[in-house]
Amino acid sequence: MKQQPHIGRQVAHFNRVNVEGIKAVFSDDMKYRYRLSIPFINEPARTKTLTVILKNPSSADAIKADKTVQNVEKVVYKSFTDVGHVEVLNLFALRGTYPKDVMESYLNGIDIIGSENNSAFSHALMQSDYIVIAWGGASPIRSSVYDSRVENVLTMIQIPTLSGKIYRKKEKGSEKYPFHACYWPDNTDFSVC
């Protein structure tokens, strides 16, 4: 049995990110990342906060990004010109570059959601002007496990105070499985859910 899913390589954060202001909230053992708070370099017009919800965290932290987080930073910066701060949340807080490792952990009895994940959602969602869902499809995580968590998260974000603030990539994906942020092109168009 693996003790820890594989954590892949790190890359630089997008060049408009204020790296010194990034905050990451991990479990004490660093196996779970609950939140990644990413400020852009200060610009007066950028006053809003956007939360993006992904599948599971990989290697991004307060110093370096991973490919998905770097792409989120770049696309959000270009597409939401009033956003100055990005919060990154995940359906499953267990860190692992490969979702198959997350599924393997689940099969070995490891909690893949994380004990503090729902409270991280509550805190970030209260501060958000926009929420972008971008977790992609279930594979290779068992559909029953994935769909249950997706339903739980959709219930958390579909409350009246967040009405009109929830976005997804305009094309591709399905109702339950919005297009994963790792594959957003530079010119991504977003639409309200």
Protein backbone atom coordinates (compact mmCIF):
# COMPACT_ATOMS: atom_id res chain seq x y z
CA MET A 1 0.00 0.00 0.00
CA LYS A 2 1.28 3.46 -0.90
CA GLN A 3 1.58 5.82 2.04
CA GLN A 4 1.24 8.98 -0.03
CA PRO A 5 0.04 9.62 -3.59
CA HIS A 6 2.65 10.84 -6.06
CA ILE A 7 3.24 14.61 -5.95
CA GLY A 8 4.46 15.91 -9.31
CA ARG A 9 6.76 18.70 -10.30
CA GLN A 10 6.21 22.33 -9.56
CA VAL A 11 6.35 25.29 -11.94
CA ALA A 12 6.47 29.04 -11.43
CA HIS A 13 3.30 30.94 -10.63
CA PHE A 14 1.92 33.16 -13.43
CA ASN A 15 3.89 36.41 -13.71
CA ARG A 16 0.97 38.61 -12.53
CA VAL A 17 0.72 36.75 -9.19
CA ASN A 18 1.99 38.39 -6.01
CA VAL A 19 3.95 35.33 -4.87
CA GLU A 20 4.78 36.86 -1.49
CA GLY A 21 1.05 37.12 -0.70
CA ILE A 22 0.10 33.50 -1.49
CA LYS A 23 -1.24 31.44 1.41
CA ALA A 24 -1.74 27.69 1.41
CA VAL A 25 -3.70 25.81 4.06
CA PHE A 26 -2.49 22.23 4.53
CA SER A 27 -3.18 19.53 7.05
CA ASP A 28 -0.42 19.15 9.66
CA ASP A 29 0.98 16.14 7.80
CA MET A 30 0.86 17.99 4.41
CA LYS A 31 -1.26 15.20 2.87
CA TYR A 32 -4.24 17.50 2.36
CA ARG A 33 -4.40 20.97 0.87
CA TYR A 34 -7.61 22.71 1.82
CA ARG A 35 -7.15 26.16 0.30
CA LEU A 36 -4.72 28.00 -1.90
CA SER A 37 -5.18 31.79 -1.78
CA ILE A 38 -3.53 33.59 -4.68
CA PRO A 39 -3.43 37.40 -4.96
CA PHE A 40 -2.55 39.09 -8.21
CA ILE A 41 -0.11 42.00 -8.26
CA ASN A 42 -2.03 45.02 -7.01
CA GLU A 43 -4.04 46.85 -9.68
CA PRO A 44 -6.76 49.34 -8.61
CA ALA A 45 -9.48 47.86 -10.85
CA ARG A 46 -8.94 44.34 -9.51
CA THR A 47 -11.04 44.24 -6.35
CA LYS A 48 -13.03 41.00 -6.70
CA THR A 49 -12.39 37.49 -5.42
CA LEU A 50 -12.93 34.39 -7.56
CA THR A 51 -13.04 30.85 -6.23
CA VAL A 52 -12.29 27.99 -8.60
CA ILE A 53 -13.23 24.43 -7.66
CA LEU A 54 -11.00 21.69 -9.07
CA LYS A 55 -10.79 17.89 -8.64
CA ASN A 56 -7.86 17.35 -6.24
CA PRO A 57 -4.69 19.27 -5.37
CA SER A 58 -1.27 18.31 -6.66
CA SER A 59 2.00 20.09 -5.93
CA ALA A 60 1.03 23.79 -5.83
CA ASP A 61 1.83 25.63 -2.62
CA ALA A 62 2.69 29.12 -1.40
CA ILE A 63 5.96 29.19 -3.34
CA LYS A 64 5.36 27.26 -6.57
CA ALA A 65 2.40 26.32 -8.77
CA ASP A 66 1.59 23.16 -10.66
CA LYS A 67 0.44 23.20 -14.29
CA THR A 68 -3.27 23.39 -13.45
CA VAL A 69 -2.92 26.20 -10.91
CA GLN A 70 -0.63 28.13 -13.24
CA ASN A 71 -3.22 27.83 -16.01
CA VAL A 72 -6.02 28.93 -13.66
CA GLU A 73 -4.01 32.01 -12.68
CA LYS A 74 -3.31 32.97 -16.28
CA VAL A 75 -6.83 32.40 -17.63
CA VAL A 76 -8.60 34.05 -14.68
CA TYR A 77 -6.32 37.07 -14.97
CA LYS A 78 -7.19 37.46 -18.68
CA SER A 79 -10.89 36.57 -18.50
CA PHE A 80 -11.99 38.28 -15.25
CA THR A 81 -10.43 41.72 -15.43
CA ASP A 82 -11.88 42.83 -12.08
CA VAL A 83 -10.47 39.85 -10.12
CA GLY A 84 -7.53 40.54 -7.84
CA HIS A 85 -7.63 37.38 -5.75
CA VAL A 86 -8.15 33.69 -6.57
CA GLU A 87 -9.12 30.99 -4.09
CA VAL A 88 -8.45 27.40 -5.18
CA LEU A 89 -10.59 24.66 -3.64
CA ASN A 90 -10.89 20.98 -4.55
CA LEU A 91 -13.62 18.35 -4.42
CA PHE A 92 -11.08 16.09 -2.72
CA ALA A 93 -8.37 17.66 -0.56
CA LEU A 94 -6.00 14.66 -0.63
CA ARG A 95 -2.93 15.71 -2.61
CA GLY A 96 -1.93 13.61 -5.58
CA THR A 97 -0.82 14.52 -9.07
CA TYR A 98 -2.59 11.51 -10.54
CA PRO A 99 -6.28 11.04 -9.69
CA LYS A 100 -5.71 7.26 -9.90
CA ASP A 101 -3.59 7.61 -6.76
CA VAL A 102 -6.50 9.37 -5.05
CA MET A 103 -8.79 6.48 -5.99
CA GLU A 104 -6.21 3.97 -4.76
CA SER A 105 -6.06 5.83 -1.45
CA TYR A 106 -9.85 5.67 -1.20
CA LEU A 107 -9.78 1.91 -1.84
CA ASN A 108 -7.21 1.62 0.96
CA GLY A 109 -9.57 3.30 3.42
CA ILE A 110 -8.01 6.78 3.35
CA ASP A 111 -10.30 9.80 3.61
CA ILE A 112 -9.88 11.59 0.27
CA ILE A 113 -12.22 14.52 0.98
CA GLY A 114 -10.37 15.72 4.08
CA SER A 115 -11.79 16.58 7.48
CA GLU A 116 -11.47 20.35 7.01
CA ASN A 117 -12.49 20.58 3.36
CA ASN A 118 -16.14 21.56 3.84
CA SER A 119 -15.22 24.32 6.29
CA ALA A 120 -12.65 25.60 3.76
CA PHE A 121 -15.48 25.73 1.20
CA SER A 122 -17.75 27.65 3.57
CA HIS A 123 -15.08 30.21 4.36
CA ALA A 124 -13.99 30.77 0.74
CA LEU A 125 -17.51 30.85 -0.71
CA MET A 126 -18.59 33.58 1.73
CA GLN A 127 -15.78 35.79 0.40
CA SER A 128 -16.34 35.08 -3.30
CA ASP A 129 -17.69 37.39 -5.95
CA TYR A 130 -17.42 34.63 -8.57
CA ILE A 131 -17.24 30.84 -8.38
CA VAL A 132 -15.93 28.81 -11.30
CA ILE A 133 -16.57 25.08 -11.37
CA ALA A 134 -13.82 23.23 -13.21
CA TRP A 135 -13.36 19.75 -11.76
CA GLY A 136 -13.68 17.71 -14.95
CA GLY A 137 -14.88 14.13 -15.23
CA ALA A 138 -14.81 11.33 -12.69
CA SER A 139 -12.24 9.06 -14.32
CA PRO A 140 -10.39 7.29 -12.76
CA ILE A 141 -12.23 7.94 -9.50
CA ARG A 142 -15.20 5.61 -9.07
CA SER A 143 -18.34 7.36 -10.39
CA SER A 144 -20.38 6.65 -7.26
CA VAL A 145 -17.73 8.31 -5.06
CA TYR A 146 -17.20 11.21 -7.45
CA ASP A 147 -20.88 11.87 -8.12
CA SER A 148 -21.68 11.88 -4.42
CA ARG A 149 -19.02 14.51 -3.76
CA VAL A 150 -20.07 16.57 -6.79
CA GLU A 151 -23.68 16.58 -5.52
CA ASN A 152 -22.46 17.64 -2.06
CA VAL A 153 -20.43 20.53 -3.51
CA LEU A 154 -23.23 21.61 -5.86
CA THR A 155 -25.53 21.77 -2.82
CA MET A 156 -22.98 23.97 -1.01
CA ILE A 157 -22.69 26.43 -3.90
CA GLN A 158 -26.32 26.52 -5.04
CA ILE A 159 -27.58 28.82 -2.34
CA PRO A 160 -29.47 32.09 -2.95
CA THR A 161 -26.58 34.37 -1.92
CA LEU A 162 -24.41 32.85 -4.68
CA SER A 163 -27.09 33.09 -7.38
CA GLY A 164 -25.67 34.49 -10.61
CA LYS A 165 -22.09 34.14 -9.41
CA ILE A 166 -21.38 30.58 -10.56
CA TYR A 167 -19.53 30.17 -13.85
CA ARG A 168 -18.07 27.43 -16.00
CA LYS A 169 -16.23 27.22 -19.31
CA LYS A 170 -18.82 28.08 -21.94
CA GLU A 171 -18.29 25.04 -24.15
CA LYS A 172 -17.50 21.42 -23.36
CA GLY A 173 -18.08 19.39 -20.27
CA SER A 174 -21.48 18.26 -19.02
CA GLU A 175 -23.94 19.41 -16.38
CA LYS A 176 -22.15 17.44 -13.63
CA TYR A 177 -18.65 17.50 -15.08
CA PRO A 178 -17.54 21.00 -16.10
CA PHE A 179 -14.46 21.21 -18.33
CA HIS A 180 -11.28 20.80 -16.24
CA ALA A 181 -9.22 23.97 -15.75
CA CYS A 182 -6.00 22.23 -16.74
CA TYR A 183 -7.27 22.32 -20.33
CA TRP A 184 -8.65 25.86 -20.49
CA PRO A 185 -7.22 27.72 -23.48
CA ASP A 186 -5.91 31.27 -23.06
CA ASN A 187 -9.06 32.72 -24.62
CA THR A 188 -11.56 30.76 -22.49
CA ASP A 189 -15.11 32.12 -22.47
CA PHE A 190 -17.14 31.61 -19.31
CA SER A 191 -20.90 31.57 -18.87
CA VAL A 192 -23.15 31.71 -15.83
CA CYS A 193 -24.46 28.28 -14.82
